[in-house]
Amino acid sequence: MNVLIAVDGPEFGKIISDFVCNYRFPPRTAFRVITVVDTPRAASASQEPEIAVARALVRNIAQRIADTFPGSDVRDAVIYGLPAQEILDLSDEWPAHLIVVGSHGRRAIGRFVMGSVSTAVVLHAHCSVVVVRLPVAGAREQELRKTAVRGAISHVTP
């Protein structure tokens, strides 16, 4: 089995690696841990510190996975390009049997305005995709979500 793990920043590093390391994969599963640096930003020398952090992040996650799944082929890479396209291209070329990505949990308008890598990957991948979400920030946000859901339900029910 080939598992492609795409990490978008340090906030997802622990959450995604926790998910992967607690999942049962067949023996000799191969893992590729990547992060994609947007092409326009990669061209700037001022982004070198960010790229160094990205390299360290994928290395640390890859090492944790290698420690958890001894005997597995675990590799890491920082890739330059458009994130969704690069993830999809690598998943096709390798080929991946499963893709693991993170989601910021943006609502529809946020996805429309900002775009969504995880949505694009889910819609266009040739294999299964697991979307690991960031946990809810706090009690206030949880209450706002509950209120929104109750409001939506009250509008639907007669």
C-alpha atoms as a PDB file:
ATOM      1  CA  MET A   1       0.000   0.000   0.000  1.00  0.00           C
ATOM      2  CA  ASN A   2       1.219   3.515  -0.832  1.00  0.00           C
ATOM      3  CA  VAL A   3       0.123   6.352   1.468  1.00  0.00           C
ATOM      4  CA  LEU A   4       0.711   9.977   0.489  1.00  0.00           C
ATOM      5  CA  ILE A   5       0.626  12.361   3.449  1.00  0.00           C
ATOM      6  CA  ALA A   6       0.367  16.048   2.540  1.00  0.00           C
ATOM      7  CA  VAL A   7       1.030  18.441   5.405  1.00  0.00           C
ATOM      8  CA  ASP A   8       0.143  22.128   5.306  1.00  0.00           C
ATOM      9  CA  GLY A   9       2.087  23.830   8.066  1.00  0.00           C
ATOM     10  CA  PRO A  10       3.054  22.962  11.612  1.00  0.00           C
ATOM     11  CA  GLU A  11      -0.506  23.075  12.970  1.00  0.00           C
ATOM     12  CA  PHE A  12      -1.271  19.946  10.954  1.00  0.00           C
ATOM     13  CA  GLY A  13       2.005  18.167  11.643  1.00  0.00           C
ATOM     14  CA  LYS A  14       1.085  16.637  14.977  1.00  0.00           C
ATOM     15  CA  ILE A  15      -2.573  16.043  14.133  1.00  0.00           C
ATOM     16  CA  ILE A  16      -1.848  14.247  10.870  1.00  0.00           C
ATOM     17  CA  SER A  17       1.079  12.268  12.267  1.00  0.00           C
ATOM     18  CA  ASP A  18      -1.078  11.235  15.261  1.00  0.00           C
ATOM     19  CA  PHE A  19      -3.767  10.036  12.855  1.00  0.00           C
ATOM     20  CA  VAL A  20      -1.343   8.100  10.651  1.00  0.00           C
ATOM     21  CA  CYS A  21       0.598   6.572  13.558  1.00  0.00           C
ATOM     22  CA  ASN A  22      -2.608   5.374  15.228  1.00  0.00           C
ATOM     23  CA  TYR A  23      -3.996   3.798  12.063  1.00  0.00           C
ATOM     24  CA  ARG A  24      -3.375   0.165  11.158  1.00  0.00           C
ATOM     25  CA  PHE A  25      -1.614  -0.177   7.829  1.00  0.00           C
ATOM     26  CA  PRO A  26      -0.557  -3.429   6.196  1.00  0.00           C
ATOM     27  CA  PRO A  27       3.073  -4.505   6.653  1.00  0.00           C
ATOM     28  CA  ARG A  28       5.530  -2.873   4.255  1.00  0.00           C
ATOM     29  CA  THR A  29       3.278   0.095   3.564  1.00  0.00           C
ATOM     30  CA  ALA A  30       5.191   2.864   1.788  1.00  0.00           C
ATOM     31  CA  PHE A  31       4.718   6.437   2.988  1.00  0.00           C
ATOM     32  CA  ARG A  32       5.526   9.747   1.297  1.00  0.00           C
ATOM     33  CA  VAL A  33       5.325  12.796   3.556  1.00  0.00           C
ATOM     34  CA  ILE A  34       5.229  16.034   1.599  1.00  0.00           C
ATOM     35  CA  THR A  35       4.510  19.694   1.907  1.00  0.00           C
ATOM     36  CA  VAL A  36       3.973  21.911  -1.110  1.00  0.00           C
ATOM     37  CA  VAL A  37       5.329  25.450  -1.197  1.00  0.00           C
ATOM     38  CA  ASP A  38       3.327  27.721  -3.499  1.00  0.00           C
ATOM     39  CA  THR A  39       5.386  28.548  -6.603  1.00  0.00           C
ATOM     40  CA  PRO A  40       5.069  32.361  -6.397  1.00  0.00           C
ATOM     41  CA  ARG A  41       6.224  32.373  -2.785  1.00  0.00           C
ATOM     42  CA  ALA A  42       9.013  29.853  -3.426  1.00  0.00           C
ATOM     43  CA  ALA A  43      10.734  32.263  -5.803  1.00  0.00           C
ATOM     44  CA  SER A  44      11.447  34.734  -3.007  1.00  0.00           C
ATOM     45  CA  ALA A  45      14.709  34.486  -1.039  1.00  0.00           C
ATOM     46  CA  SER A  46      12.804  35.838   1.968  1.00  0.00           C
ATOM     47  CA  GLN A  47      10.933  32.519   2.103  1.00  0.00           C
ATOM     48  CA  GLU A  48      14.059  30.464   2.918  1.00  0.00           C
ATOM     49  CA  PRO A  49      13.304  30.360   6.676  1.00  0.00           C
ATOM     50  CA  GLU A  50       9.767  29.111   5.907  1.00  0.00           C
ATOM     51  CA  ILE A  51      11.156  26.454   3.560  1.00  0.00           C
ATOM     52  CA  ALA A  52      13.654  25.323   6.222  1.00  0.00           C
ATOM     53  CA  VAL A  53      10.789  24.932   8.692  1.00  0.00           C
ATOM     54  CA  ALA A  54       8.828  22.946   6.092  1.00  0.00           C
ATOM     55  CA  ARG A  55      11.798  20.614   5.510  1.00  0.00           C
ATOM     56  CA  ALA A  56      12.213  20.024   9.245  1.00  0.00           C
ATOM     57  CA  LEU A  57       8.481  19.422   9.619  1.00  0.00           C
ATOM     58  CA  VAL A  58       8.247  16.705   6.950  1.00  0.00           C
ATOM     59  CA  ARG A  59      11.482  15.093   8.188  1.00  0.00           C
ATOM     60  CA  ASN A  60      10.154  14.908  11.745  1.00  0.00           C
ATOM     61  CA  ILE A  61       6.835  13.445  10.634  1.00  0.00           C
ATOM     62  CA  ALA A  62       8.585  10.936   8.368  1.00  0.00           C
ATOM     63  CA  GLN A  63      10.871   9.877  11.228  1.00  0.00           C
ATOM     64  CA  ARG A  64       7.917   9.397  13.579  1.00  0.00           C
ATOM     65  CA  ILE A  65       6.141   7.259  10.969  1.00  0.00           C
ATOM     66  CA  ALA A  66       9.320   5.231  10.353  1.00  0.00           C
ATOM     67  CA  ASP A  67       9.638   4.635  14.103  1.00  0.00           C
ATOM     68  CA  THR A  68       5.985   3.573  14.323  1.00  0.00           C
ATOM     69  CA  PHE A  69       6.056   1.294  11.264  1.00  0.00           C
ATOM     70  CA  PRO A  70       9.493  -0.375  11.225  1.00  0.00           C
ATOM     71  CA  GLY A  71      10.369  -1.895   7.875  1.00  0.00           C
ATOM     72  CA  SER A  72       8.191   0.540   5.943  1.00  0.00           C
ATOM     73  CA  ASP A  73       9.606   2.718   3.179  1.00  0.00           C
ATOM     74  CA  VAL A  74       9.166   6.292   4.443  1.00  0.00           C
ATOM     75  CA  ARG A  75      10.351   9.288   2.418  1.00  0.00           C
ATOM     76  CA  ASP A  76       9.819  13.021   2.724  1.00  0.00           C
ATOM     77  CA  ALA A  77       9.981  15.957   0.346  1.00  0.00           C
ATOM     78  CA  VAL A  78       9.295  19.657  -0.013  1.00  0.00           C
ATOM     79  CA  ILE A  79       7.712  20.247  -3.415  1.00  0.00           C
ATOM     80  CA  TYR A  80       7.262  23.554  -5.236  1.00  0.00           C
ATOM     81  CA  GLY A  81       4.114  24.327  -7.194  1.00  0.00           C
ATOM     82  CA  LEU A  82       0.376  24.637  -6.754  1.00  0.00           C
ATOM     83  CA  PRO A  83      -0.494  22.504  -3.714  1.00  0.00           C
ATOM     84  CA  ALA A  84      -3.595  20.650  -4.962  1.00  0.00           C
ATOM     85  CA  GLN A  85      -2.071  20.007  -8.383  1.00  0.00           C
ATOM     86  CA  GLU A  86       1.236  18.755  -6.981  1.00  0.00           C
ATOM     87  CA  ILE A  87      -0.524  16.413  -4.532  1.00  0.00           C
ATOM     88  CA  LEU A  88      -2.707  15.017  -7.308  1.00  0.00           C
ATOM     89  CA  ASP A  89       0.232  14.677  -9.721  1.00  0.00           C
ATOM     90  CA  LEU A  90       2.357  12.793  -7.183  1.00  0.00           C
ATOM     91  CA  SER A  91      -0.562  10.564  -6.224  1.00  0.00           C
ATOM     92  CA  ASP A  92      -0.999   9.625  -9.907  1.00  0.00           C
ATOM     93  CA  GLU A  93       2.708   9.135 -10.656  1.00  0.00           C
ATOM     94  CA  TRP A  94       3.633   7.097  -7.585  1.00  0.00           C
ATOM     95  CA  PRO A  95       0.716   5.785  -7.468  1.00  0.00           C
ATOM     96  CA  ALA A  96      -0.868   6.426  -4.053  1.00  0.00           C
ATOM     97  CA  HIS A  97      -3.568   4.110  -2.733  1.00  0.00           C
ATOM     98  CA  LEU A  98      -4.538   6.586  -0.009  1.00  0.00           C
ATOM     99  CA  ILE A  99      -3.991  10.321   0.441  1.00  0.00           C
ATOM    100  CA  VAL A 100      -4.081  11.956   3.874  1.00  0.00           C
ATOM    101  CA  VAL A 101      -4.578  15.744   3.925  1.00  0.00           C
ATOM    102  CA  GLY A 102      -5.606  18.321   6.490  1.00  0.00           C
ATOM    103  CA  SER A 103      -8.499  20.738   6.465  1.00  0.00           C
ATOM    104  CA  HIS A 104      -8.792  24.129   8.085  1.00  0.00           C
ATOM    105  CA  GLY A 105     -12.542  23.598   8.336  1.00  0.00           C
ATOM    106  CA  ARG A 106     -13.498  26.636   6.265  1.00  0.00           C
ATOM    107  CA  ARG A 107     -17.134  27.051   5.384  1.00  0.00           C
ATOM    108  CA  ALA A 108     -18.413  27.279   1.796  1.00  0.00           C
ATOM    109  CA  ILE A 109     -17.734  31.004   1.394  1.00  0.00           C
ATOM    110  CA  GLY A 110     -14.197  30.570   2.745  1.00  0.00           C
ATOM    111  CA  ARG A 111     -13.541  27.774   0.263  1.00  0.00           C
ATOM    112  CA  PHE A 112     -14.916  29.916  -2.568  1.00  0.00           C
ATOM    113  CA  VAL A 113     -12.786  32.925  -1.703  1.00  0.00           C
ATOM    114  CA  MET A 114      -9.635  31.152  -0.518  1.00  0.00           C
ATOM    115  CA  GLY A 115      -9.779  27.914  -2.476  1.00  0.00           C
ATOM    116  CA  SER A 116      -9.411  24.580  -0.767  1.00  0.00           C
ATOM    117  CA  VAL A 117      -6.616  22.134  -1.335  1.00  0.00           C
ATOM    118  CA  SER A 118      -8.381  19.332   0.535  1.00  0.00           C
ATOM    119  CA  THR A 119     -11.612  19.849  -1.449  1.00  0.00           C
ATOM    120  CA  ALA A 120      -9.743  19.776  -4.764  1.00  0.00           C
ATOM    121  CA  VAL A 121      -7.874  16.624  -3.732  1.00  0.00           C
ATOM    122  CA  VAL A 122     -11.079  14.881  -2.611  1.00  0.00           C
ATOM    123  CA  LEU A 123     -12.855  15.781  -5.852  1.00  0.00           C
ATOM    124  CA  HIS A 124     -10.063  14.857  -8.262  1.00  0.00           C
ATOM    125  CA  ALA A 125      -7.993  12.086  -6.657  1.00  0.00           C
ATOM    126  CA  HIS A 126      -7.978   8.649  -8.256  1.00  0.00           C
ATOM    127  CA  CYS A 127      -7.822   6.984  -4.825  1.00  0.00           C
ATOM    128  CA  SER A 128      -9.372   7.311  -1.381  1.00  0.00           C
ATOM    129  CA  VAL A 129      -8.679  10.492   0.574  1.00  0.00           C
ATOM    130  CA  VAL A 130      -8.768  10.986   4.341  1.00  0.00           C
ATOM    131  CA  VAL A 131      -9.275  14.582   5.469  1.00  0.00           C
ATOM    132  CA  VAL A 132      -7.979  15.192   8.985  1.00  0.00           C
ATOM    133  CA  ARG A 133      -9.548  18.270  10.539  1.00  0.00           C
ATOM    134  CA  LEU A 134      -8.068  20.633  13.056  1.00  0.00           C
ATOM    135  CA  PRO A 135      -9.796  20.327  16.416  1.00  0.00           C
ATOM    136  CA  VAL A 136     -12.289  23.012  17.405  1.00  0.00           C
ATOM    137  CA  ALA A 137     -10.494  25.981  18.931  1.00  0.00           C
ATOM    138  CA  GLY A 138     -12.540  26.270  22.099  1.00  0.00           C
ATOM    139  CA  ALA A 139     -15.862  26.237  23.898  1.00  0.00           C
ATOM    140  CA  ARG A 140     -16.992  29.538  22.332  1.00  0.00           C
ATOM    141  CA  GLU A 141     -16.566  28.197  18.783  1.00  0.00           C
ATOM    142  CA  GLN A 142     -18.337  24.943  19.739  1.00  0.00           C
ATOM    143  CA  GLU A 143     -21.298  26.937  21.061  1.00  0.00           C
ATOM    144  CA  LEU A 144     -21.419  29.032  17.882  1.00  0.00           C
ATOM    145  CA  ARG A 145     -21.490  25.843  15.772  1.00  0.00           C
ATOM    146  CA  LYS A 146     -24.292  24.342  17.878  1.00  0.00           C
ATOM    147  CA  THR A 147     -26.302  27.559  17.581  1.00  0.00           C
ATOM    148  CA  ALA A 148     -25.804  27.619  13.796  1.00  0.00           C
ATOM    149  CA  VAL A 149     -26.877  23.976  13.480  1.00  0.00           C
ATOM    150  CA  ARG A 150     -29.963  24.543  15.667  1.00  0.00           C
ATOM    151  CA  GLY A 151     -30.857  27.590  13.568  1.00  0.00           C
ATOM    152  CA  ALA A 152     -30.472  25.645  10.331  1.00  0.00           C
ATOM    153  CA  ILE A 153     -32.606  22.784  11.672  1.00  0.00           C
ATOM    154  CA  SER A 154     -35.338  25.131  12.873  1.00  0.00           C
ATOM    155  CA  HIS A 155     -35.569  26.615   9.356  1.00  0.00           C
ATOM    156  CA  VAL A 156     -35.949  23.165   7.826  1.00  0.00           C
ATOM    157  CA  THR A 157     -38.518  21.681  10.202  1.00  0.00           C
ATOM    158  CA  PRO A 158     -42.138  22.841   9.852  1.00  0.00           C
END
